[in-house]
Amino acid sequence: MLRRSFILLVLVAALAPPSVFGRQPEPGAELVNASSPQSQAARRFERILQNIEDSSTLNLVGEEVWSSLVARYKPEIESAHTHRAFARAVNSLFDASGSSHFEYFTRDDFSYWHLLSAFKMDGRESRVEHAGLFAERTGGRWFVRGILEGSPADGSGIRVGDELLSVDGVPYRPIASFQGKAGRPVIVKVRRRPGLTYNLQVTPVKESLHEALIRAMHESIKVIQHDGFLLAYLHGWVLLGPGDEYDALLKLQPAVDGLLLDYRDGFGGRADVARRFLAGNKNKGAKSYGSPRWSKPVVVLIADGTRSAKELVVAAARDYDHVTLLGTPTPGQVTSVGGLVPIGDDGLLMLPGYRFPQEGKQTLPEIRVDRDIRYSAGADPQLQAAKDVLVAMIARGLAAPGACESVSIGP
């Protein structure tokens, strides 16, 4: 089972995430405390429990349920000999609580660095060495799930679906593999398929991960020619930012025939700007979010990485007759962030806040297209199907497709 790692960043006044930027444990992680790991784990856990008790979290979980869960998981948590084992055990406890946006991150998590860079907490250093690779761990192996547009990995020859084997001869780890290597070329060894490996050169950078995501969104904007039509495209990595990526799309609207909006993976944020952008003038009686914005046909790509605020956006978009959802179901993780608490200098606790009615409810695609990224060599059947569906919508003048259509493509 894949661990969550993309998170919702929700602002309390508006709308205040998983897949996966990599929260899975890996071998070789640092000890919690080299001299006394068990006692250090116990002290760390006690601090976490105190912050939870001082918050409103127990109102969501229930005090009796929480006490029972803590008693069950406490021995494993306090006996952890590495920080990653500690994080895995703590997050198993949080998962058992039934509340999303209840997580503990370490410095080996992309979410840790995105939170620091997005909120600049405690004046801490929020820049991190990275190559723009986002990986998921499945079957004990790391696979490239996404590549940030304009990042060092973009154009390096690395493809989505490649298995990440090593960096400079050392087994791959999401953050640690690039630490201390900014500005210096490294060799990333990947397996494209069983029996075929490549050594590819990448030069990491040190920067704010949040700024890298915002830049990648703008870099992703392009016009695709498909079957005689012009299609705008945006990879919406995050919904926390100025929202000027939507202004850029609106400038393209007169020159294109439709829009591919890719909401697979990334982080959440605020749903209001995206909902206003998509509301258009084809609203089927749903709530209006302001003046008409994007009015031409849209296909929104969704998957298990479409979390949090993005789920609110796509759930609303089902009521717009110029929008079709394509891909696989969202996870139904729609709770605000109630608090972010540093735990020591290498841990970060995220506490759940307001639970939206959408929590626990998946948003289903109108057209289902499955995708297995492993050893896919960059092939993207969901995006290809989205192009075909969008062209069909344009050609038939926005006639709505049949609900719950299913398309089986890929491995």
Protein backbone atom coordinates (compact mmCIF):
# COMPACT_ATOMS: atom_id res chain seq x y z
CA MET A 1 0.00 0.00 0.00
CA LEU A 2 1.36 3.39 -0.95
CA ARG A 3 1.97 5.88 1.81
CA ARG A 4 0.46 9.34 1.62
CA SER A 5 2.77 12.24 1.06
CA PHE A 6 1.06 14.96 -0.96
CA ILE A 7 -0.67 17.25 1.45
CA LEU A 8 -3.26 20.00 1.62
CA LEU A 9 -2.03 23.38 2.74
CA VAL A 10 -5.12 25.20 3.94
CA LEU A 11 -5.38 28.79 5.05
CA VAL A 12 -7.77 29.13 7.97
CA ALA A 13 -9.56 32.19 6.59
CA ALA A 14 -10.22 30.64 3.20
CA LEU A 15 -9.67 26.96 2.59
CA ALA A 16 -7.33 25.89 4.64
CA PRO A 17 -2.06 16.62 1.21
CA PRO A 18 -0.14 12.46 -0.86
CA SER A 19 1.03 9.48 -4.81
CA VAL A 20 3.49 10.62 -3.50
CA PHE A 21 6.48 12.74 -2.82
CA GLY A 22 7.88 10.02 -0.61
CA ARG A 23 7.06 9.47 3.01
CA GLN A 24 8.03 5.80 2.96
CA PRO A 25 10.87 4.56 5.15
CA GLU A 26 14.06 3.35 3.55
CA PRO A 27 17.07 1.46 4.90
CA GLY A 28 20.10 3.28 6.22
CA ALA A 29 18.28 6.24 7.75
CA GLU A 30 19.85 8.01 10.72
CA LEU A 31 19.39 6.93 14.32
CA VAL A 32 16.97 8.95 16.42
CA ASN A 33 19.80 9.23 18.93
CA ALA A 34 23.02 7.32 18.51
CA SER A 35 23.59 6.87 22.26
CA SER A 36 20.07 6.04 23.39
CA PRO A 37 17.60 5.68 20.52
CA GLN A 38 14.78 4.22 22.59
CA SER A 39 14.77 6.95 25.23
CA GLN A 40 15.02 9.62 22.54
CA ALA A 41 12.08 8.08 20.69
CA ALA A 42 10.05 8.10 23.91
CA ARG A 43 10.81 11.77 24.56
CA ARG A 44 10.00 12.69 20.98
CA PHE A 45 6.72 10.80 21.14
CA GLU A 46 5.80 12.46 24.44
CA ARG A 47 6.25 15.87 22.82
CA ILE A 48 4.02 14.83 19.93
CA LEU A 49 1.32 13.58 22.32
CA GLN A 50 1.42 16.82 24.29
CA ASN A 51 0.90 18.91 21.15
CA ILE A 52 -1.99 16.71 20.11
CA GLU A 53 -3.64 17.04 23.51
CA ASP A 54 -3.21 20.82 23.38
CA SER A 55 -4.95 20.98 19.99
CA SER A 56 -8.50 20.23 18.85
CA THR A 57 -7.44 16.94 17.26
CA LEU A 58 -9.09 14.75 19.89
CA ASN A 59 -12.44 16.36 19.06
CA LEU A 60 -12.13 14.70 15.64
CA VAL A 61 -10.77 11.36 16.80
CA GLY A 62 -12.47 10.94 20.19
CA GLU A 63 -10.58 10.70 23.47
CA GLU A 64 -11.43 7.06 24.19
CA VAL A 65 -10.50 5.94 20.70
CA TRP A 66 -7.28 7.95 20.87
CA SER A 67 -6.25 6.49 24.23
CA SER A 68 -6.82 2.98 22.95
CA LEU A 69 -4.78 3.63 19.79
CA VAL A 70 -1.90 5.19 21.70
CA ALA A 71 -1.73 2.18 24.02
CA ARG A 72 -1.62 -0.14 21.01
CA TYR A 73 1.09 1.68 19.04
CA LYS A 74 3.22 3.12 21.86
CA PRO A 75 5.54 0.09 22.30
CA GLU A 76 6.51 0.06 18.63
CA ILE A 77 6.96 3.83 18.51
CA GLU A 78 9.12 4.06 21.63
CA SER A 79 11.30 1.12 20.60
CA ALA A 80 12.17 2.61 17.20
CA HIS A 81 15.92 2.68 16.56
CA THR A 82 15.87 5.02 13.56
CA HIS A 83 14.02 8.22 12.82
CA ARG A 84 12.40 6.66 9.78
CA ALA A 85 11.17 3.67 11.81
CA PHE A 86 9.84 6.13 14.38
CA ALA A 87 8.04 8.12 11.67
CA ARG A 88 6.57 4.97 10.16
CA ALA A 89 5.19 3.83 13.52
CA VAL A 90 3.81 7.27 14.42
CA ASN A 91 2.10 7.59 11.05
CA SER A 92 0.58 4.13 11.45
CA LEU A 93 -1.00 5.46 14.64
CA PHE A 94 -2.24 8.57 12.86
CA ASP A 95 -3.64 6.52 9.96
CA ALA A 96 -5.55 4.33 12.41
CA SER A 97 -7.24 7.46 13.80
CA GLY A 98 -9.21 7.79 10.58
CA SER A 99 -8.31 11.44 10.03
CA SER A 100 -6.42 12.73 7.01
CA HIS A 101 -3.88 15.57 7.29
CA PHE A 102 -2.57 13.98 10.48
CA GLU A 103 1.09 13.22 9.73
CA TYR A 104 4.65 13.30 10.97
CA PHE A 105 7.37 14.24 8.50
CA THR A 106 11.14 13.91 8.60
CA ARG A 107 13.82 15.75 6.65
CA ASP A 108 13.75 12.89 4.14
CA ASP A 109 10.21 13.87 3.10
CA PHE A 110 9.48 16.29 0.29
CA SER A 111 6.41 17.41 2.23
CA TYR A 112 8.65 18.52 5.12
CA TRP A 113 10.58 20.86 2.84
CA HIS A 114 7.53 22.11 1.01
CA LEU A 115 5.84 23.04 4.28
CA LEU A 116 8.93 24.86 5.51
CA SER A 117 9.36 26.76 2.26
CA ALA A 118 5.66 27.58 1.88
CA PHE A 119 5.25 28.90 5.42
CA LYS A 120 8.85 29.86 6.33
CA MET A 121 8.40 28.45 9.80
CA ASP A 122 10.52 29.77 12.67
CA GLY A 123 12.96 31.37 10.26
CA ARG A 124 14.36 27.91 9.54
CA GLU A 125 16.41 27.15 6.45
CA SER A 126 13.76 26.08 3.96
CA ARG A 127 15.89 25.54 0.89
CA VAL A 128 16.84 21.98 0.02
CA GLU A 129 19.05 20.26 -2.54
CA HIS A 130 16.91 18.45 -5.08
CA ALA A 131 16.78 17.44 -8.74
CA GLY A 132 13.03 17.86 -9.36
CA LEU A 133 12.29 14.14 -9.08
CA PHE A 134 9.24 12.97 -7.19
CA ALA A 135 9.19 9.28 -6.48
CA GLU A 136 6.90 6.69 -5.00
CA ARG A 137 8.00 3.56 -3.21
CA THR A 138 6.17 0.39 -4.13
CA GLY A 139 7.23 -3.21 -3.83
CA GLY A 140 10.36 -2.05 -2.02
CA ARG A 141 11.53 -0.03 -5.03
CA TRP A 142 11.56 3.67 -5.88
CA PHE A 143 9.93 4.76 -9.16
CA VAL A 144 9.81 8.22 -10.71
CA ARG A 145 6.24 9.43 -10.41
CA GLY A 146 6.75 12.99 -11.55
CA ILE A 147 9.39 15.38 -12.88
CA LEU A 148 9.10 19.10 -12.24
CA GLU A 149 9.08 21.14 -15.41
CA GLY A 150 12.20 23.29 -15.65
CA SER A 151 14.03 21.27 -12.96
CA PRO A 152 17.47 19.64 -13.34
CA ALA A 153 15.81 16.28 -14.05
CA ASP A 154 13.67 17.77 -16.81
CA GLY A 155 15.48 17.02 -20.05
CA SER A 156 18.08 14.82 -18.34
CA GLY A 157 16.80 11.65 -19.97
CA ILE A 158 15.11 10.41 -16.81
CA ARG A 159 11.51 9.39 -17.48
CA VAL A 160 8.41 8.85 -15.39
CA GLY A 161 8.28 5.16 -14.54
CA ASP A 162 12.05 4.69 -14.27
CA GLU A 163 13.18 2.77 -11.22
CA LEU A 164 15.65 4.88 -9.26
CA LEU A 165 18.57 2.66 -8.29
CA SER A 166 21.38 4.89 -7.06
CA VAL A 167 22.95 8.34 -7.05
CA ASP A 168 26.73 8.36 -7.39
CA GLY A 169 26.74 4.65 -6.57
CA VAL A 170 24.75 4.97 -3.32
CA PRO A 171 21.19 3.54 -3.12
CA TYR A 172 18.60 6.20 -3.89
CA ARG A 173 16.91 8.17 -1.10
CA PRO A 174 14.48 11.03 -1.91
CA ILE A 175 16.30 13.88 -0.14
CA ALA A 176 19.57 12.44 1.18
CA SER A 177 20.78 11.41 -2.30
CA PHE A 178 21.26 15.06 -3.27
CA GLN A 179 22.33 16.64 0.03
CA GLY A 180 25.51 18.66 -0.26
CA LYS A 181 25.63 18.21 -4.05
CA ALA A 182 24.02 21.40 -5.36
CA GLY A 183 25.82 22.66 -8.47
CA ARG A 184 27.77 19.43 -8.89
CA PRO A 185 26.85 16.86 -11.55
CA VAL A 186 25.82 13.48 -10.14
CA ILE A 187 25.13 10.17 -11.85
CA VAL A 188 21.63 8.80 -11.38
CA LYS A 189 21.33 5.13 -12.27
CA VAL A 190 17.85 4.11 -13.41
CA ARG A 191 16.26 0.90 -14.62
CA ARG A 192 13.88 1.60 -17.48
CA ARG A 193 12.74 -1.98 -17.67
CA PRO A 194 14.13 -5.27 -16.37
CA GLY A 195 17.51 -5.81 -18.01
CA LEU A 196 17.89 -2.20 -19.24
CA THR A 197 19.65 0.41 -17.07
CA TYR A 198 21.00 3.89 -17.78
CA ASN A 199 23.49 6.15 -16.03
CA LEU A 200 22.21 9.70 -16.46
CA GLN A 201 23.80 12.96 -15.35
CA VAL A 202 21.89 15.51 -13.30
CA THR A 203 23.07 18.65 -11.50
CA PRO A 204 21.01 19.27 -8.33
CA VAL A 205 20.06 22.76 -7.15
CA LYS A 206 19.41 24.17 -3.68
CA GLU A 207 16.22 26.19 -3.51
CA SER A 208 12.76 26.54 -2.02
CA LEU A 209 10.71 23.54 -3.06
CA HIS A 210 7.56 25.65 -3.02
CA GLU A 211 9.12 28.15 -5.44
CA ALA A 212 10.23 25.25 -7.61
CA LEU A 213 6.64 23.99 -7.78
CA ILE A 214 5.27 27.43 -8.69
CA ARG A 215 7.92 27.81 -11.39
CA ALA A 216 7.17 24.33 -12.73
CA MET A 217 3.50 25.22 -13.17
CA HIS A 218 4.39 28.18 -15.33
CA GLU A 219 6.97 26.13 -17.24
CA SER A 220 4.30 23.49 -17.90
CA ILE A 221 1.92 25.84 -19.71
CA LYS A 222 1.93 25.04 -23.40
CA VAL A 223 -0.26 24.60 -26.46
CA ILE A 224 -0.57 21.08 -27.85
CA GLN A 225 -1.70 20.34 -31.40
CA HIS A 226 -3.89 17.25 -31.53
CA ASP A 227 -6.08 16.05 -34.40
CA GLY A 228 -6.25 19.53 -35.88
CA PHE A 229 -7.15 21.30 -32.63
CA LEU A 230 -5.12 23.51 -30.31
CA LEU A 231 -5.22 22.43 -26.66
CA ALA A 232 -3.83 24.45 -23.74
CA TYR A 233 -2.16 22.44 -20.97
CA LEU A 234 -1.31 23.17 -17.33
CA HIS A 235 0.25 20.85 -14.76
CA GLY A 236 -1.31 22.24 -11.59
CA TRP A 237 1.24 21.09 -9.02
CA VAL A 238 -0.05 23.23 -6.16
CA LEU A 239 -3.02 25.45 -5.26
CA LEU A 240 -1.06 27.64 -2.89
CA GLY A 241 0.31 30.68 -4.66
CA PRO A 242 -0.72 33.85 -6.51
CA GLY A 243 -2.84 31.95 -9.02
CA ASP A 244 -1.34 33.83 -11.95
CA GLU A 245 -0.97 30.55 -13.83
CA TYR A 246 -4.72 30.80 -14.48
CA ASP A 247 -4.31 34.35 -15.78
CA ALA A 248 -1.74 33.00 -18.23
CA LEU A 249 -4.24 30.38 -19.41
CA LEU A 250 -6.97 32.99 -19.84
CA LYS A 251 -4.66 34.91 -22.17
CA LEU A 252 -4.41 31.74 -24.29
CA GLN A 253 -8.16 31.08 -24.32
CA PRO A 254 -8.98 33.07 -27.51
CA ALA A 255 -6.33 31.15 -29.47
CA VAL A 256 -7.08 27.58 -28.34
CA ASP A 257 -10.00 25.19 -28.57
CA GLY A 258 -9.90 23.61 -25.11
CA LEU A 259 -7.88 22.95 -21.96
CA LEU A 260 -6.13 19.96 -20.38
CA LEU A 261 -5.86 20.62 -16.64
CA ASP A 262 -3.56 18.10 -14.96
CA TYR A 263 -4.32 17.84 -11.23
CA ARG A 264 -2.65 14.50 -10.68
CA ASP A 265 -0.18 14.67 -7.80
CA GLY A 266 1.36 17.68 -6.10
CA PHE A 267 0.04 19.65 -3.15
CA GLY A 268 -3.22 21.31 -2.21
CA GLY A 269 -3.74 24.83 -0.91
CA ARG A 270 -6.73 27.07 -1.65
CA ALA A 271 -9.62 25.93 -3.80
CA ASP A 272 -11.30 29.30 -4.41
CA VAL A 273 -9.11 30.62 -7.25
CA ALA A 274 -9.25 27.35 -9.20
CA ARG A 275 -13.01 27.03 -8.73
CA ARG A 276 -13.60 30.57 -10.00
CA PHE A 277 -11.38 29.84 -12.98
CA LEU A 278 -13.28 26.67 -13.91
CA ALA A 279 -16.81 27.89 -13.21
CA GLY A 280 -17.00 29.50 -16.64
CA ASN A 281 -20.41 30.30 -18.07
CA LYS A 282 -21.62 26.71 -18.40
CA ASN A 283 -22.72 26.21 -14.81
CA LYS A 284 -25.51 23.65 -14.32
CA GLY A 285 -27.16 25.31 -11.36
CA ALA A 286 -24.13 24.94 -9.09
CA LYS A 287 -22.82 27.75 -6.93
CA SER A 288 -21.31 30.60 -8.91
CA TYR A 289 -17.77 31.65 -7.99
CA GLY A 290 -17.70 35.02 -9.69
CA SER A 291 -17.64 36.31 -13.24
CA PRO A 292 -17.28 33.88 -16.15
CA ARG A 293 -13.71 32.69 -16.57
CA TRP A 294 -12.70 29.67 -18.65
CA SER A 295 -15.65 28.81 -20.87
CA LYS A 296 -14.21 26.40 -23.44
CA PRO A 297 -14.15 22.58 -23.06
CA VAL A 298 -11.93 21.23 -20.27
CA VAL A 299 -10.69 17.77 -19.34
CA VAL A 300 -9.32 17.55 -15.80
CA LEU A 301 -6.95 14.66 -15.09
CA ILE A 302 -7.42 13.20 -11.60
CA ALA A 303 -5.89 10.29 -9.68
CA ASP A 304 -5.03 9.13 -6.16
CA GLY A 305 -2.61 12.08 -5.92
CA THR A 306 -5.45 14.58 -6.47
CA ARG A 307 -5.89 15.42 -2.83
CA SER A 308 -7.32 17.96 -0.44
CA ALA A 309 -8.19 21.34 -1.95
CA LYS A 310 -7.94 19.82 -5.42
CA GLU A 311 -10.67 17.38 -4.43
CA LEU A 312 -12.96 20.29 -3.60
CA VAL A 313 -12.19 21.81 -6.98
CA VAL A 314 -12.87 18.67 -9.01
CA ALA A 315 -15.97 17.77 -6.99
CA ALA A 316 -17.42 21.17 -7.88
CA ALA A 317 -16.28 20.80 -11.49
CA ARG A 318 -18.56 17.78 -11.97
CA ASP A 319 -21.44 20.29 -12.07
CA TYR A 320 -19.97 22.21 -15.01
CA ASP A 321 -21.11 20.89 -18.36
CA HIS A 322 -17.95 22.12 -20.11
CA VAL A 323 -15.74 20.00 -17.81
CA THR A 324 -15.03 16.24 -17.90
CA LEU A 325 -13.04 14.39 -15.23
CA LEU A 326 -10.74 11.64 -16.48
CA GLY A 327 -8.41 9.25 -14.69
CA THR A 328 -8.90 7.34 -11.44
CA PRO A 329 -10.76 8.18 -8.19
CA THR A 330 -9.43 10.74 -5.73
CA PRO A 331 -8.71 9.50 -2.17
CA GLY A 332 -11.27 11.58 -0.27
CA GLN A 333 -8.78 13.30 2.03
CA VAL A 334 -10.27 16.74 2.62
CA THR A 335 -9.46 18.12 6.06
CA SER A 336 -7.82 21.45 6.78
CA VAL A 337 -4.45 21.76 8.47
CA GLY A 338 -5.04 22.62 12.10
CA GLY A 339 -1.42 23.24 12.99
CA LEU A 340 2.23 22.68 12.04
CA VAL A 341 4.59 21.99 14.93
CA PRO A 342 8.37 21.48 14.63
CA ILE A 343 9.52 18.46 16.65
CA GLY A 344 13.21 18.94 17.32
CA ASP A 345 15.27 20.20 14.40
CA ASP A 346 14.42 17.31 12.08
CA GLY A 347 10.71 16.54 12.49
CA LEU A 348 7.43 18.26 11.67
CA LEU A 349 3.99 17.41 13.03
CA MET A 350 0.91 18.26 10.98
CA LEU A 351 -2.35 18.33 12.92
CA PRO A 352 -5.81 18.01 11.32
CA GLY A 353 -8.26 20.90 11.55
CA TYR A 354 -11.72 21.36 10.05
CA ARG A 355 -13.15 18.24 8.43
CA PHE A 356 -14.94 19.14 5.20
CA PRO A 357 -18.05 17.17 4.16
CA GLN A 358 -16.00 15.79 1.25
CA GLU A 359 -13.70 13.96 3.72
CA GLY A 360 -13.87 10.23 3.14
CA LYS A 361 -15.73 10.62 -0.15
CA GLN A 362 -13.92 9.87 -3.37
CA THR A 363 -14.57 11.95 -6.45
CA LEU A 364 -15.03 9.53 -9.32
CA PRO A 365 -13.89 10.27 -12.86
CA GLU A 366 -16.56 10.43 -15.53
CA ILE A 367 -14.17 8.52 -17.77
CA ARG A 368 -11.88 6.03 -16.06
CA VAL A 369 -8.43 5.41 -17.47
CA ASP A 370 -5.96 3.45 -15.35
CA ARG A 371 -2.22 3.98 -15.31
CA ASP A 372 0.67 1.93 -13.95
CA ILE A 373 3.81 4.06 -14.01
CA ARG A 374 6.28 1.24 -13.25
CA TYR A 375 8.68 0.78 -16.17
CA SER A 376 6.35 2.86 -18.37
CA ALA A 377 9.26 4.78 -19.98
CA GLY A 378 7.31 8.01 -19.78
CA ALA A 379 4.18 6.69 -21.50
CA ASP A 380 1.05 8.45 -20.19
CA PRO A 381 -2.18 6.71 -21.29
CA GLN A 382 -4.27 9.06 -19.16
CA LEU A 383 -2.96 12.18 -20.87
CA GLN A 384 -3.31 10.57 -24.29
CA ALA A 385 -6.92 9.62 -23.55
CA ALA A 386 -7.59 13.13 -22.22
CA LYS A 387 -6.46 14.63 -25.51
CA ASP A 388 -8.82 12.35 -27.45
CA VAL A 389 -11.75 13.06 -25.13
CA LEU A 390 -11.18 16.82 -25.25
CA VAL A 391 -11.08 16.80 -29.04
CA ALA A 392 -14.32 14.80 -29.08
CA MET A 393 -15.95 17.34 -26.73
CA ILE A 394 -14.86 20.20 -28.97
CA ALA A 395 -16.08 18.43 -32.08
CA ARG A 396 -19.54 17.68 -30.73
CA GLY A 397 -20.04 21.09 -29.15
CA LEU A 398 -19.72 20.16 -25.50
CA ALA A 399 -22.19 17.29 -25.54
CA ALA A 400 -21.61 15.56 -22.22
CA PRO A 401 -20.01 12.10 -22.35
CA GLY A 402 -21.75 9.13 -20.79
CA ALA A 403 -21.19 8.92 -17.05
CA CYS A 404 -18.84 6.31 -15.62
CA GLU A 405 -17.34 5.30 -18.93
CA SER A 406 -14.36 2.98 -18.48
CA VAL A 407 -11.27 2.71 -20.62
CA SER A 408 -8.57 0.13 -19.90
CA ILE A 409 -5.19 1.19 -21.26
CA GLY A 410 -1.64 0.29 -20.33
CA PRO A 411 -0.18 -2.43 -18.14
